[in-house]
Amino acid sequence: MSDGAFCITCGSEPPLTSDRMCEECFRKRNILSKISDRLQQYRCPKCDQHEVRGRWSEITKENLADLRIRENIEYSDKSKNVNLGFAIEEIDDRSMRLHIDVSGEIEGYKFLENHITLMQTSNAVCPACTRKAGSYFESIVQLRSAGRKLTSDEVKVVRNTLDEMLGDMEADPMFFITSEGPVTGGWDMQLGSKAMARSWGKRLVQKFGGTIKETSTVVGSNDGIEVTRLTMSYRKPAYSIGDIVKFKKNLWLIDRWQKDGPILRRIKYFERTGVSWRDMEKSVVICAVKNQFLVEILNRDSSAVEIMDPIDFSIVTVGLPYHDDPNSKTILIGFIEEKWLAIPQTNMENK
């Protein structure tokens, strides 16, 4: 016997939903999802980046369509086990039609819905391109060397580390170069971001040693807050790791960098010492690492080895370094003070 329940819409007998409706009336009164028939988005005409949640990013059309659909589609509070799929129909460079399929359940009843929406793109110049067009910059980086001019080769090597840094990190639209060029003694650059300059400065010191000096200048105000511009001066040492220098009448090898100056290693016998950048201004490079040679040992005894001169190919005798490995078949040499000398190798110190 019936308990007297019926659909409140059409009067049909059970089964009924929690809203006391039959399946047919329930489906008429409920939808799984809804989305506007027109979506609007913005793209920068200069760099082709799209505005995504307040930021500007490069994104594929498939990921962009998926993002816009998920930003704008609304689901019923009663929906469960929802699945979404879509297809893209390109109309022109600014418009595409999205065909959306949504499946899911409401109170155990399966729903399958189809939506068609038009996604239109308007032009809007992103902040980074606006700043670039206005020759905007937040920082000035000055590349210099201590006690001499930077050579063109040094400028190229140092400058390339910025491209390497940008390639290693996540893209940031504010990390751009406004202008750059040679100046007396070095190279100057205008960068779009203070953070970009400081990150690069840390990398330069880690790789080449040297010092960083920062100064800030007030260039205006924005809503009562001072706007400053950073000037960062990087002074590269006149020597590199592996170079042989003459310091306080003795020969030393530049072993590694530390914050206050390089660590030096004595050529004649085992000794290490830390030196300040200022003290090193009095040093002279005697044999750069690029002028050193790893040569084959022809003969050896307890105190010296015979090698072939890498310049004129004559046979010469070279005294052994203090940390000689008797099993080594090669030796590192440099032409220092009119003769070939053995140069200690860092990897030997760690054996």
Protein backbone atom coordinates (compact mmCIF):
# COMPACT_ATOMS: atom_id res chain seq x y z
CA MET A 1 0.00 0.00 0.00
CA SER A 2 1.13 3.55 -0.71
CA ASP A 3 2.01 5.79 2.25
CA GLY A 4 0.41 8.67 0.40
CA ALA A 5 3.68 10.29 -0.82
CA PHE A 6 3.61 11.90 -4.25
CA CYS A 7 5.66 14.33 -6.38
CA ILE A 8 4.86 17.86 -5.31
CA THR A 9 5.18 19.04 -8.92
CA CYS A 10 3.31 16.52 -11.03
CA GLY A 11 1.73 14.20 -8.45
CA SER A 12 3.61 11.08 -9.52
CA GLU A 13 4.06 8.23 -7.05
CA PRO A 14 7.43 7.24 -5.50
CA PRO A 15 10.35 6.84 -5.81
CA LEU A 16 10.93 10.49 -4.86
CA THR A 17 13.97 12.61 -4.17
CA SER A 18 14.73 14.44 -0.93
CA ASP A 19 12.84 17.39 -2.39
CA ARG A 20 9.78 15.13 -2.82
CA MET A 21 10.01 15.16 -6.59
CA CYS A 22 10.04 12.38 -9.13
CA GLU A 23 13.13 11.88 -11.28
CA GLU A 24 11.69 13.72 -14.28
CA CYS A 25 10.70 16.80 -12.28
CA PHE A 26 13.93 16.64 -10.29
CA ARG A 27 15.98 16.81 -13.51
CA LYS A 28 13.92 19.76 -14.70
CA ARG A 29 14.53 21.66 -11.46
CA ASN A 30 18.26 20.86 -11.04
CA ILE A 31 21.36 21.49 -13.11
CA LEU A 32 24.86 20.12 -12.56
CA SER A 33 26.74 23.21 -13.76
CA LYS A 34 26.46 26.58 -15.44
CA ILE A 35 28.84 28.97 -17.19
CA SER A 36 28.46 32.29 -18.96
CA ASP A 37 28.05 32.14 -22.73
CA ARG A 38 30.83 34.72 -23.13
CA LEU A 39 34.22 34.90 -21.34
CA GLN A 40 36.54 37.91 -21.50
CA GLN A 41 40.31 37.83 -21.06
CA TYR A 42 43.32 40.08 -21.68
CA ARG A 43 46.56 39.61 -23.59
CA CYS A 44 49.55 41.94 -23.89
CA PRO A 45 50.10 42.72 -27.62
CA LYS A 46 53.82 43.32 -27.06
CA CYS A 47 54.90 40.12 -25.29
CA ASP A 48 51.82 37.87 -25.85
CA GLN A 49 51.50 37.12 -22.15
CA HIS A 50 48.03 36.65 -20.67
CA GLU A 51 46.66 38.10 -17.46
CA VAL A 52 46.21 35.20 -15.05
CA ARG A 53 44.89 35.90 -11.56
CA GLY A 54 46.49 39.31 -11.36
CA ARG A 55 49.80 38.25 -12.94
CA TRP A 56 51.00 38.08 -16.53
CA SER A 57 52.25 34.72 -17.78
CA GLU A 58 53.07 32.74 -20.90
CA ILE A 59 50.54 29.92 -21.27
CA THR A 60 49.41 27.52 -24.00
CA LYS A 61 45.92 27.89 -25.47
CA GLU A 62 44.89 24.49 -24.03
CA ASN A 63 46.00 25.41 -20.51
CA LEU A 64 44.47 28.86 -20.91
CA ALA A 65 41.09 27.45 -21.95
CA ASP A 66 41.17 24.97 -19.06
CA LEU A 67 42.01 27.79 -16.63
CA ARG A 68 39.24 30.11 -17.88
CA ILE A 69 36.64 27.33 -17.73
CA ARG A 70 37.57 26.38 -14.17
CA GLU A 71 37.59 30.06 -13.15
CA ASN A 72 34.06 30.65 -14.45
CA ILE A 73 32.10 27.40 -14.23
CA GLU A 74 29.76 26.97 -11.24
CA TYR A 75 28.63 23.59 -9.91
CA SER A 76 25.55 22.66 -7.91
CA ASP A 77 26.16 22.32 -4.18
CA LYS A 78 24.66 18.83 -4.45
CA SER A 79 26.98 17.65 -7.25
CA LYS A 80 29.32 14.69 -6.77
CA ASN A 81 31.86 12.79 -8.89
CA VAL A 82 32.08 15.64 -11.39
CA ASN A 83 34.20 15.22 -14.55
CA LEU A 84 34.91 17.95 -17.09
CA GLY A 85 36.17 17.85 -20.67
CA PHE A 86 36.37 20.43 -23.43
CA ALA A 87 37.30 21.02 -27.03
CA ILE A 88 38.58 24.24 -28.64
CA GLU A 89 37.22 25.71 -31.87
CA GLU A 90 39.46 28.57 -33.01
CA ILE A 91 37.61 31.37 -34.75
CA ASP A 92 40.35 33.97 -35.15
CA ASP A 93 43.35 35.38 -33.26
CA ARG A 94 41.11 36.96 -30.64
CA SER A 95 38.26 34.47 -30.33
CA MET A 96 37.71 30.78 -29.71
CA ARG A 97 34.59 28.75 -29.04
CA LEU A 98 34.75 26.29 -26.16
CA HIS A 99 32.64 23.10 -26.24
CA ILE A 100 32.38 21.85 -22.66
CA ASP A 101 31.13 18.45 -21.45
CA VAL A 102 30.29 18.00 -17.77
CA SER A 103 29.24 14.74 -16.12
CA GLY A 104 28.41 13.98 -12.51
CA GLU A 105 25.77 12.90 -10.01
CA ILE A 106 23.10 14.60 -7.92
CA GLU A 107 21.40 12.40 -5.31
CA GLY A 108 22.52 9.33 -7.21
CA TYR A 109 21.11 10.44 -10.55
CA LYS A 110 23.66 10.77 -13.36
CA PHE A 111 23.76 14.09 -15.22
CA LEU A 112 25.46 14.87 -18.52
CA GLU A 113 25.52 18.51 -19.66
CA ASN A 114 26.98 20.37 -22.63
CA HIS A 115 27.89 24.06 -22.73
CA ILE A 116 29.13 26.27 -25.52
CA THR A 117 30.85 29.52 -24.58
CA LEU A 118 32.77 32.13 -26.55
CA MET A 119 36.15 33.21 -25.14
CA GLN A 120 37.21 36.62 -26.42
CA THR A 121 40.61 38.29 -25.99
CA SER A 122 41.23 42.03 -25.66
CA ASN A 123 44.53 43.91 -25.70
CA ALA A 124 46.00 45.28 -22.48
CA VAL A 125 49.67 46.20 -22.11
CA CYS A 126 51.23 44.40 -19.16
CA PRO A 127 53.12 46.39 -16.49
CA ALA A 128 56.51 45.06 -17.62
CA CYS A 129 56.01 46.18 -21.23
CA THR A 130 54.63 49.52 -20.03
CA ARG A 131 57.82 50.05 -18.04
CA LYS A 132 60.05 48.92 -20.89
CA ALA A 133 58.33 51.32 -23.29
CA GLY A 134 58.91 54.14 -20.83
CA SER A 135 62.62 53.23 -20.33
CA TYR A 136 61.84 52.42 -16.70
CA PHE A 137 64.55 51.03 -14.44
CA GLU A 138 64.94 50.44 -10.72
CA SER A 139 68.65 49.76 -10.53
CA ILE A 140 71.98 50.62 -12.12
CA VAL A 141 74.72 47.99 -12.13
CA GLN A 142 78.30 49.12 -12.66
CA LEU A 143 80.83 46.43 -13.61
CA ARG A 144 84.41 47.41 -12.80
CA SER A 145 87.76 45.85 -11.92
CA ALA A 146 90.01 46.70 -8.99
CA GLY A 147 92.99 48.77 -10.04
CA ARG A 148 92.56 48.46 -13.82
CA LYS A 149 90.05 48.46 -16.67
CA LEU A 150 87.96 45.42 -17.46
CA THR A 151 88.98 43.84 -20.74
CA SER A 152 86.36 43.15 -23.40
CA ASP A 153 86.73 39.41 -22.77
CA GLU A 154 86.17 39.90 -19.04
CA VAL A 155 83.09 42.02 -19.69
CA LYS A 156 81.68 39.27 -21.91
CA VAL A 157 82.32 36.55 -19.33
CA VAL A 158 80.89 38.59 -16.45
CA ARG A 159 77.90 39.78 -18.50
CA ASN A 160 77.06 36.21 -19.56
CA THR A 161 76.45 35.23 -15.95
CA LEU A 162 73.31 37.40 -15.98
CA ASP A 163 71.88 35.44 -18.91
CA GLU A 164 72.80 32.20 -17.13
CA MET A 165 71.03 33.36 -13.96
CA LEU A 166 67.86 34.35 -15.82
CA GLY A 167 67.88 31.01 -17.63
CA ASP A 168 68.19 29.08 -14.35
CA MET A 169 65.37 30.80 -12.50
CA GLU A 170 61.60 31.04 -12.94
CA ALA A 171 60.67 33.77 -15.41
CA ASP A 172 59.86 37.15 -13.84
CA PRO A 173 58.45 39.85 -16.17
CA MET A 174 60.17 42.57 -14.15
CA PHE A 175 63.59 41.03 -14.74
CA PHE A 176 64.44 42.96 -17.88
CA ILE A 177 67.34 45.09 -19.14
CA THR A 178 66.47 48.67 -20.06
CA SER A 179 69.85 49.65 -21.47
CA GLU A 180 73.52 48.71 -21.27
CA GLY A 181 76.84 49.71 -22.77
CA PRO A 182 80.54 50.40 -22.27
CA VAL A 183 81.83 53.20 -20.05
CA THR A 184 85.33 54.23 -19.08
CA GLY A 185 86.84 51.31 -17.18
CA GLY A 186 83.94 48.89 -17.49
CA TRP A 187 80.29 48.34 -18.33
CA ASP A 188 77.03 49.91 -17.05
CA MET A 189 73.53 48.43 -17.11
CA GLN A 190 70.04 49.65 -16.22
CA LEU A 191 67.83 46.85 -14.88
CA GLY A 192 64.08 46.75 -14.30
CA SER A 193 64.28 45.29 -10.80
CA LYS A 194 66.30 45.81 -7.62
CA ALA A 195 65.89 42.11 -6.81
CA MET A 196 67.38 41.23 -10.20
CA ALA A 197 70.46 43.37 -9.49
CA ARG A 198 70.99 41.95 -5.99
CA SER A 199 70.58 38.33 -7.12
CA TRP A 200 73.11 38.90 -9.87
CA GLY A 201 75.53 40.61 -7.48
CA LYS A 202 75.52 37.57 -5.18
CA ARG A 203 76.25 35.30 -8.12
CA LEU A 204 79.14 37.49 -9.30
CA VAL A 205 80.81 37.49 -5.89
CA GLN A 206 80.42 33.71 -5.57
CA LYS A 207 81.94 33.05 -8.99
CA PHE A 208 84.58 35.77 -9.39
CA GLY A 209 85.13 37.11 -5.88
CA GLY A 210 85.31 40.87 -5.43
CA THR A 211 83.14 43.40 -3.63
CA ILE A 212 79.67 44.91 -3.94
CA LYS A 213 78.80 48.47 -2.95
CA GLU A 214 75.17 49.60 -2.87
CA THR A 215 73.71 53.10 -2.70
CA SER A 216 70.07 54.20 -2.91
CA THR A 217 68.74 57.46 -4.33
CA VAL A 218 65.24 58.86 -3.82
CA VAL A 219 63.72 59.55 -7.26
CA GLY A 220 60.12 60.36 -6.30
CA SER A 221 57.15 59.27 -4.21
CA ASN A 222 54.06 57.15 -4.69
CA ASP A 223 51.10 57.67 -2.36
CA GLY A 224 53.44 59.26 0.16
CA ILE A 225 55.99 56.43 -0.02
CA GLU A 226 59.47 57.27 -1.25
CA VAL A 227 60.51 55.62 -4.51
CA THR A 228 64.23 54.78 -4.59
CA ARG A 229 66.68 53.67 -7.24
CA LEU A 230 69.52 51.28 -6.44
CA THR A 231 73.08 51.74 -7.72
CA MET A 232 75.14 48.58 -7.32
CA SER A 233 78.85 48.73 -8.09
CA TYR A 234 80.64 45.41 -8.55
CA ARG A 235 84.45 45.43 -8.51
CA LYS A 236 85.95 42.27 -9.96
CA PRO A 237 89.43 41.32 -8.68
CA ALA A 238 92.32 41.67 -11.13
CA TYR A 239 92.98 37.95 -10.65
CA SER A 240 91.07 34.66 -10.82
CA ILE A 241 91.05 31.37 -8.91
CA GLY A 242 94.13 29.41 -9.99
CA ASP A 243 96.23 32.50 -10.82
CA ILE A 244 99.71 32.82 -9.33
CA VAL A 245 100.29 36.21 -7.70
CA LYS A 246 103.22 37.88 -6.03
CA PHE A 247 102.16 39.13 -2.63
CA LYS A 248 104.63 40.48 -0.03
CA LYS A 249 107.58 39.16 -2.05
CA ASN A 250 106.27 35.58 -2.11
CA LEU A 251 104.44 33.52 -4.72
CA TRP A 252 100.90 32.45 -3.87
CA LEU A 253 98.07 30.67 -5.68
CA ILE A 254 94.52 32.05 -5.51
CA ASP A 255 92.76 29.09 -3.91
CA ARG A 256 89.16 30.23 -3.34
CA TRP A 257 86.94 33.17 -2.44
CA GLN A 258 85.56 34.20 0.91
CA LYS A 259 83.53 37.25 1.89
CA ASP A 260 86.39 39.50 2.99
CA GLY A 261 88.99 38.43 0.42
CA PRO A 262 90.64 35.40 -1.21
CA ILE A 263 92.28 32.40 0.41
CA LEU A 264 95.91 32.12 -0.77
CA ARG A 265 98.05 28.98 -0.96
CA ARG A 266 101.83 29.18 -0.85
CA ILE A 267 103.71 27.79 -3.85
CA LYS A 268 106.88 26.58 -2.10
CA TYR A 269 105.35 24.70 0.82
CA PHE A 270 102.02 24.02 2.42
CA GLU A 271 100.60 27.21 3.89
CA ARG A 272 97.21 28.89 3.55
CA THR A 273 96.22 32.39 4.58
CA GLY A 274 93.26 34.71 4.20
CA VAL A 275 93.85 38.17 2.74
CA SER A 276 91.57 41.20 2.51
CA TRP A 277 90.52 42.67 -0.83
CA ARG A 278 92.29 45.90 0.08
CA ASP A 279 95.58 44.14 0.85
CA MET A 280 95.35 42.24 -2.44
CA GLU A 281 95.39 45.54 -4.37
CA LYS A 282 99.16 45.47 -3.80
CA SER A 283 99.53 42.04 -5.45
CA VAL A 284 100.66 41.38 -9.03
CA VAL A 285 99.55 38.49 -11.24
CA ILE A 286 102.68 36.56 -12.21
CA CYS A 287 101.10 33.62 -14.06
CA ALA A 288 97.41 33.55 -14.95
CA VAL A 289 95.62 30.21 -14.93
CA LYS A 290 95.13 30.45 -18.70
CA ASN A 291 98.95 30.43 -19.08
CA GLN A 292 99.46 27.25 -17.05
CA PHE A 293 100.00 23.83 -18.62
CA LEU A 294 99.29 20.29 -17.53
CA VAL A 295 102.14 18.31 -19.13
CA GLU A 296 103.22 14.69 -19.25
CA ILE A 297 106.13 13.57 -17.08
CA LEU A 298 108.90 11.92 -19.14
CA ASN A 299 111.22 10.92 -16.30
CA ARG A 300 111.27 11.45 -12.57
CA ASP A 301 113.51 11.06 -9.53
CA SER A 302 113.04 11.95 -5.89
CA SER A 303 113.29 15.73 -6.37
CA ALA A 304 112.54 16.62 -10.00
CA VAL A 305 110.92 15.53 -13.25
CA GLU A 306 111.79 15.90 -16.90
CA ILE A 307 109.11 17.35 -19.17
CA MET A 308 108.78 18.72 -22.68
CA ASP A 309 108.68 22.52 -22.80
CA PRO A 310 105.15 23.30 -24.09
CA ILE A 311 106.49 26.36 -25.97
CA ASP A 312 109.68 25.24 -27.75
CA PHE A 313 109.37 21.46 -27.11
CA SER A 314 112.84 21.17 -25.55
CA ILE A 315 113.43 18.83 -22.60
CA VAL A 316 113.59 20.71 -19.28
CA THR A 317 113.84 19.76 -15.63
CA VAL A 318 111.25 20.97 -13.11
CA GLY A 319 111.44 20.60 -9.33
CA LEU A 320 108.64 18.59 -7.76
CA PRO A 321 105.86 20.38 -5.84
CA TYR A 322 105.74 19.85 -2.09
CA HIS A 323 102.72 17.56 -2.36
CA ASP A 324 103.95 15.39 -5.24
CA ASP A 325 102.14 12.15 -5.97
CA PRO A 326 104.85 9.66 -7.04
CA ASN A 327 102.26 7.78 -9.13
CA SER A 328 101.14 10.83 -11.12
CA LYS A 329 102.02 10.86 -14.81
CA THR A 330 101.34 14.60 -15.28
CA ILE A 331 102.34 17.84 -13.61
CA LEU A 332 100.95 21.39 -13.68
CA ILE A 333 103.54 24.03 -14.58
CA GLY A 334 103.78 27.77 -15.16
CA PHE A 335 106.50 30.00 -16.56
CA ILE A 336 107.38 32.09 -13.52
CA GLU A 337 110.37 34.37 -13.08
CA GLU A 338 112.07 33.15 -16.27
CA LYS A 339 111.72 29.41 -15.60
CA TRP A 340 109.15 26.63 -15.43
CA LEU A 341 107.88 25.92 -11.91
CA ALA A 342 105.54 23.22 -10.63
CA ILE A 343 102.18 24.53 -9.41
CA PRO A 344 100.32 22.81 -6.55
CA GLN A 345 96.97 21.34 -7.64
CA THR A 346 93.95 21.75 -5.39
CA ASN A 347 92.71 18.18 -5.80
CA MET A 348 96.04 16.91 -4.48
CA GLU A 349 95.51 18.71 -1.17
CA ASN A 350 92.41 16.63 -0.46
CA LYS A 351 94.05 13.22 -0.91
